[in-house]
Amino acid sequence: MNNQEFWQPESIYYFKYGNNAGASLPRLMFEKHQSLYGIFQTIICKSFSLSPYVQRQMELSDYLKYSRGMSNKKPLQQHLEYYLAAGEELAPKQKIKSLCPHCGHEQVRYITLVNQYSYGLKVDDDLMFCQNKDCAGKVNQVVHSKYKFGRPLAKRLLNFSTFDLSPGFGFQDSLKRLFKRVYDWPEIISDQFAFDFFKQTSPAS
């Protein structure tokens, strides 16, 4: 395993130029995850001259693998790699505050989103569940009873890439409220809180 996977930032990274000038990278994870992912994609694609066809086949995990195999990374790439990876590892590593609404004793790790077509994606506390297969089955029952005209999407870990899904009306706000409850976020995310929050997910911590 590449030792660079365990690199941790010693201080908060602040953008010096562009539209994000003056903003901290960890706090932008809570506000502009898709934008940060786009910057990271651009860096990796330029470094490896990846064709548009190859790019369409790739997910965040693939870009992280490319990045982890590189040496002599610039600070921006190194910080993006760290935070984007940490944002995917929240459910297995972060201590979360919400118990599964179906069994009542395991911590939630997944959510099923419901596509209500013209109304967009639906976020619902009852659609969260733990690793228990019985609880996953109960979520399917909730979908069919509460959302008769909706289509359940594949289960997703409660991580930051969920914010990159195409939103319907109110989707982003509803999802952020759910994450605040699950991970006990404060109403205002400070630079220091964001920095400390992601550091708790690191495999080196």
Protein backbone atom coordinates (compact mmCIF):
# COMPACT_ATOMS: atom_id res chain seq x y z
CA MET A 1 0.00 0.00 0.00
CA ASN A 2 1.31 3.43 -0.92
CA ASN A 3 2.50 5.31 2.17
CA GLN A 4 1.17 8.53 0.68
CA GLU A 5 -2.32 7.27 1.46
CA PHE A 6 -1.58 8.00 5.12
CA TRP A 7 -0.31 11.54 4.62
CA GLN A 8 -2.11 14.12 6.78
CA PRO A 9 -2.09 17.91 6.48
CA GLU A 10 -0.47 19.71 9.38
CA SER A 11 -2.39 22.93 8.76
CA ILE A 12 -5.46 24.24 6.93
CA TYR A 13 -5.04 24.73 3.18
CA TYR A 14 -6.33 28.06 1.87
CA PHE A 15 -6.84 28.83 -1.81
CA LYS A 16 -4.68 31.73 -2.93
CA TYR A 17 -6.15 32.37 -6.39
CA GLY A 18 -9.30 32.02 -8.45
CA ASN A 19 -12.96 31.96 -7.43
CA ASN A 20 -12.10 30.27 -4.12
CA ALA A 21 -9.35 32.68 -3.10
CA GLY A 22 -9.20 33.04 0.68
CA ALA A 23 -11.46 30.02 1.33
CA SER A 24 -10.22 26.94 3.16
CA LEU A 25 -10.31 23.64 1.31
CA PRO A 26 -11.75 21.61 4.22
CA ARG A 27 -14.67 24.00 4.67
CA LEU A 28 -15.39 23.98 0.94
CA MET A 29 -15.91 20.23 1.22
CA PHE A 30 -19.18 21.11 2.99
CA GLU A 31 -20.17 23.71 0.39
CA LYS A 32 -18.60 22.88 -3.00
CA HIS A 33 -17.70 19.20 -3.01
CA GLN A 34 -18.49 18.79 -6.70
CA SER A 35 -16.32 21.79 -7.58
CA LEU A 36 -13.36 20.40 -5.63
CA TYR A 37 -13.84 17.02 -7.30
CA GLY A 38 -13.79 18.79 -10.67
CA ILE A 39 -10.49 20.51 -9.86
CA PHE A 40 -9.03 17.17 -8.80
CA GLN A 41 -10.25 15.47 -11.98
CA THR A 42 -8.63 18.18 -14.11
CA ILE A 43 -5.27 17.75 -12.35
CA ILE A 44 -5.26 13.95 -12.80
CA CYS A 45 -6.49 14.05 -16.40
CA LYS A 46 -3.77 16.52 -17.39
CA SER A 47 -1.09 14.56 -15.55
CA PHE A 48 -1.95 11.28 -17.32
CA SER A 49 -3.38 12.71 -20.58
CA LEU A 50 -6.59 10.74 -20.06
CA SER A 51 -8.96 10.71 -23.02
CA PRO A 52 -12.58 11.85 -22.67
CA TYR A 53 -13.67 8.23 -23.19
CA VAL A 54 -11.54 7.01 -20.28
CA GLN A 55 -12.73 9.87 -18.10
CA ARG A 56 -16.36 8.88 -18.63
CA GLN A 57 -15.60 5.40 -17.26
CA MET A 58 -13.92 6.68 -14.10
CA GLU A 59 -15.24 7.38 -10.61
CA LEU A 60 -13.69 9.25 -7.71
CA SER A 61 -12.04 6.06 -6.43
CA ASP A 62 -10.27 5.69 -9.78
CA TYR A 63 -8.92 9.24 -9.69
CA LEU A 64 -7.69 8.66 -6.14
CA LYS A 65 -5.80 5.54 -7.27
CA TYR A 66 -4.09 7.50 -10.04
CA SER A 67 -3.16 10.28 -7.63
CA ARG A 68 -1.84 7.93 -4.94
CA GLY A 69 0.56 6.43 -7.48
CA MET A 70 2.15 9.79 -8.23
CA SER A 71 5.19 11.35 -6.60
CA ASN A 72 6.19 15.02 -6.27
CA LYS A 73 2.60 16.20 -5.96
CA LYS A 74 1.87 19.87 -5.65
CA PRO A 75 0.23 20.93 -2.36
CA LEU A 76 -3.21 21.47 -3.91
CA GLN A 77 -3.33 17.94 -5.35
CA GLN A 78 -2.10 16.42 -2.10
CA HIS A 79 -4.73 18.23 -0.05
CA LEU A 80 -7.51 17.44 -2.53
CA GLU A 81 -6.57 13.76 -2.49
CA TYR A 82 -6.62 13.72 1.30
CA TYR A 83 -9.96 15.48 1.77
CA LEU A 84 -11.83 13.79 -1.07
CA ALA A 85 -10.71 10.38 0.23
CA ALA A 86 -11.66 11.32 3.80
CA GLY A 87 -15.09 12.43 2.60
CA GLU A 88 -15.71 8.93 1.22
CA GLU A 89 -14.59 7.17 4.40
CA LEU A 90 -16.93 8.89 6.83
CA ALA A 91 -19.37 6.06 7.42
CA PRO A 92 -16.85 3.32 8.31
CA LYS A 93 -14.59 5.54 10.43
CA GLN A 94 -16.43 8.56 11.80
CA LYS A 95 -18.35 8.22 15.08
CA ILE A 96 -21.88 9.10 14.09
CA LYS A 97 -24.75 10.11 16.32
CA SER A 98 -27.75 8.44 14.70
CA LEU A 99 -28.92 4.90 15.28
CA CYS A 100 -30.65 2.88 12.60
CA PRO A 101 -34.38 3.77 12.68
CA HIS A 102 -35.27 0.14 11.95
CA CYS A 103 -33.32 -1.84 14.55
CA GLY A 104 -32.55 0.98 16.99
CA HIS A 105 -29.11 -0.21 18.10
CA GLU A 106 -26.67 -0.14 15.14
CA GLN A 107 -25.23 3.07 13.73
CA VAL A 108 -26.57 4.12 10.35
CA ARG A 109 -24.18 3.72 7.44
CA TYR A 110 -26.33 3.81 4.32
CA ILE A 111 -29.19 5.67 2.74
CA THR A 112 -31.47 4.77 -0.14
CA LEU A 113 -32.58 7.77 -2.17
CA VAL A 114 -35.92 7.73 -3.95
CA ASN A 115 -36.29 9.20 -7.41
CA GLN A 116 -39.68 10.90 -7.61
CA TYR A 117 -39.10 11.81 -11.24
CA SER A 118 -40.41 15.35 -11.82
CA TYR A 119 -40.01 16.05 -8.08
CA GLY A 120 -36.38 14.94 -8.02
CA LEU A 121 -34.60 12.90 -5.36
CA LYS A 122 -36.17 12.42 -1.95
CA VAL A 123 -34.22 12.37 1.33
CA ASP A 124 -35.94 10.68 4.27
CA ASP A 125 -34.67 9.62 7.72
CA ASP A 126 -36.63 6.35 7.37
CA LEU A 127 -34.54 5.53 4.30
CA MET A 128 -31.36 5.31 6.37
CA PHE A 129 -30.19 1.92 7.60
CA CYS A 130 -27.27 -0.01 9.10
CA GLN A 131 -25.37 -3.05 7.82
CA ASN A 132 -28.11 -5.42 8.94
CA LYS A 133 -29.79 -7.10 5.94
CA ASP A 134 -33.13 -7.15 7.73
CA CYS A 135 -32.99 -3.36 8.07
CA ALA A 136 -32.22 -3.01 4.37
CA GLY A 137 -35.33 -5.06 3.67
CA LYS A 138 -37.40 -2.78 5.89
CA VAL A 139 -36.21 0.22 3.87
CA ASN A 140 -37.63 -1.39 0.74
CA GLN A 141 -40.96 -1.70 2.54
CA VAL A 142 -40.82 2.00 3.46
CA VAL A 143 -40.17 2.93 -0.16
CA HIS A 144 -43.15 0.97 -1.43
CA SER A 145 -45.52 2.24 1.28
CA LYS A 146 -44.53 5.93 1.35
CA TYR A 147 -43.40 6.48 -2.24
CA LYS A 148 -45.67 4.40 -4.45
CA PHE A 149 -44.71 6.38 -7.54
CA GLY A 150 -41.00 6.64 -6.74
CA ARG A 151 -38.11 4.45 -7.80
CA PRO A 152 -35.48 3.53 -5.16
CA LEU A 153 -31.88 4.07 -6.18
CA ALA A 154 -29.00 1.84 -5.13
CA LYS A 155 -27.92 2.21 -1.52
CA ARG A 156 -25.21 4.77 -0.85
CA LEU A 157 -22.80 5.23 1.98
CA LEU A 158 -23.42 8.41 3.93
CA ASN A 159 -20.47 10.21 2.40
CA PHE A 160 -19.78 13.48 0.63
CA SER A 161 -20.08 12.22 -2.94
CA THR A 162 -23.83 11.94 -2.33
CA PHE A 163 -23.93 15.74 -2.62
CA ASP A 164 -22.79 15.45 -6.27
CA LEU A 165 -26.02 13.79 -7.40
CA SER A 166 -28.28 15.83 -9.65
CA PRO A 167 -30.60 17.56 -7.20
CA GLY A 168 -34.28 18.17 -7.39
CA PHE A 169 -36.00 20.99 -5.55
CA GLY A 170 -34.72 21.16 -1.96
CA PHE A 171 -32.55 18.03 -2.28
CA GLN A 172 -29.27 19.64 -1.22
CA ASP A 173 -30.83 21.42 1.77
CA SER A 174 -32.60 18.26 2.94
CA LEU A 175 -29.44 16.20 2.58
CA LYS A 176 -27.37 18.73 4.53
CA ARG A 177 -29.93 18.76 7.35
CA LEU A 178 -29.77 14.96 7.50
CA PHE A 179 -25.96 14.98 7.58
CA LYS A 180 -25.97 17.58 10.37
CA ARG A 181 -28.10 15.29 12.51
CA VAL A 182 -26.19 12.13 11.69
CA TYR A 183 -22.70 13.59 12.15
CA ASP A 184 -23.60 16.25 14.72
CA TRP A 185 -22.40 19.20 12.63
CA PRO A 186 -22.78 22.70 14.07
CA GLU A 187 -25.02 25.19 12.29
CA ILE A 188 -21.98 27.16 11.11
CA ILE A 189 -19.04 25.16 9.77
CA SER A 190 -15.79 26.90 10.69
CA ASP A 191 -12.44 26.27 9.01
CA GLN A 192 -11.11 24.64 12.17
CA PHE A 193 -14.15 22.38 12.65
CA ALA A 194 -13.88 21.19 9.03
CA PHE A 195 -10.15 20.52 9.42
CA ASP A 196 -10.65 18.53 12.64
CA PHE A 197 -13.70 16.67 11.30
CA PHE A 198 -11.88 15.17 8.34
CA LYS A 199 -8.79 14.39 10.38
CA GLN A 200 -10.90 11.98 12.43
CA THR A 201 -11.51 9.86 9.32
CA SER A 202 -7.85 9.39 8.44
CA PRO A 203 -6.49 5.82 8.60
CA ALA A 204 -3.43 7.24 10.37
CA SER A 205 -5.48 8.71 13.24
